[in-house]
Protein backbone atom coordinates (compact mmCIF):
# COMPACT_ATOMS: atom_id res chain seq x y z
CA UNK A 1 0.00 0.04 -0.02
CA UNK A 2 2.23 2.82 1.27
CA UNK A 3 5.68 2.78 2.49
CA UNK A 4 5.72 4.21 6.06
CA UNK A 5 9.24 3.11 6.85
CA UNK A 6 10.60 6.69 6.23
CA UNK A 7 12.84 8.68 8.35
CA UNK A 8 9.99 11.20 9.21
CA UNK A 9 8.48 8.54 11.48
CA UNK A 10 11.55 7.61 13.43
CA UNK A 11 10.48 9.57 16.55
CA UNK A 12 8.00 7.44 18.51
CA UNK A 13 5.70 10.39 19.20
CA UNK A 14 5.04 10.96 15.51
CA UNK A 15 3.98 7.35 15.09
CA UNK A 16 1.69 7.44 18.19
CA UNK A 17 0.07 10.70 16.99
CA UNK A 18 -0.45 9.37 13.52
CA UNK A 19 -2.20 6.25 14.80
CA UNK A 20 -4.21 8.22 17.40
CA UNK A 21 -5.44 10.75 14.88
CA UNK A 22 -6.33 8.16 12.23
CA UNK A 23 -8.32 5.78 14.69
CA UNK A 24 -9.79 8.83 16.38
CA UNK A 25 -11.09 10.16 13.10
CA UNK A 26 -12.48 6.72 12.31
CA UNK A 27 -14.53 6.88 15.57
CA UNK A 28 -15.70 10.42 14.75
CA UNK A 29 -16.91 9.33 11.38
CA UNK A 30 -18.80 6.31 12.80
CA UNK A 31 -20.41 8.45 15.47
CA UNK A 32 -21.55 11.01 12.83
CA UNK A 33 -23.28 8.33 10.81
CA UNK A 34 -20.71 7.73 8.06
CA UNK A 35 -19.73 4.10 8.61
CA UNK A 36 -18.06 3.70 5.24
CA UNK A 37 -15.60 6.50 5.96
CA UNK A 38 -15.18 5.19 9.53
CA UNK A 39 -14.23 1.75 8.16
CA UNK A 40 -11.82 3.30 5.63
CA UNK A 41 -10.03 5.32 8.42
CA UNK A 42 -10.12 2.33 10.74
CA UNK A 43 -8.37 0.19 8.12
CA UNK A 44 -5.79 2.90 7.53
CA UNK A 45 -5.17 3.17 11.26
CA UNK A 46 -4.80 -0.46 11.68
CA UNK A 47 -2.28 -0.54 8.84
CA UNK A 48 -0.36 2.16 10.52
CA UNK A 49 -0.37 0.16 13.82
CA UNK A 50 1.05 -2.83 11.80
CA UNK A 51 3.66 -0.81 10.07
CA UNK A 52 4.81 1.35 13.13
CA UNK A 53 4.62 -1.20 15.97
CA UNK A 54 4.66 -4.71 14.51
CA UNK A 55 7.18 -4.63 11.75
CA UNK A 56 8.88 -1.28 12.45
CA UNK A 57 12.55 -1.49 11.12
CA UNK A 58 13.76 2.04 10.62
CA UNK A 59 16.92 2.75 8.68
CA UNK A 60 18.47 4.93 11.40
CA UNK A 61 16.87 4.58 14.82
CA UNK A 62 17.48 7.56 17.25
CA UNK A 63 19.41 7.00 20.31
């Protein structure tokens, strides 16, 4: 899908904020009666979780 293994996401806080915003927006969409958009953002958020916390292998990890 998308390559999220880029240096921009090396700091942990950026990965956490990205996942939080994406899944938060999914909840917002579902609560406002747009389940299709909610499902789309939920899938994107879960993909981010997988990329950032399951298979994360940055090129240059910060010390």
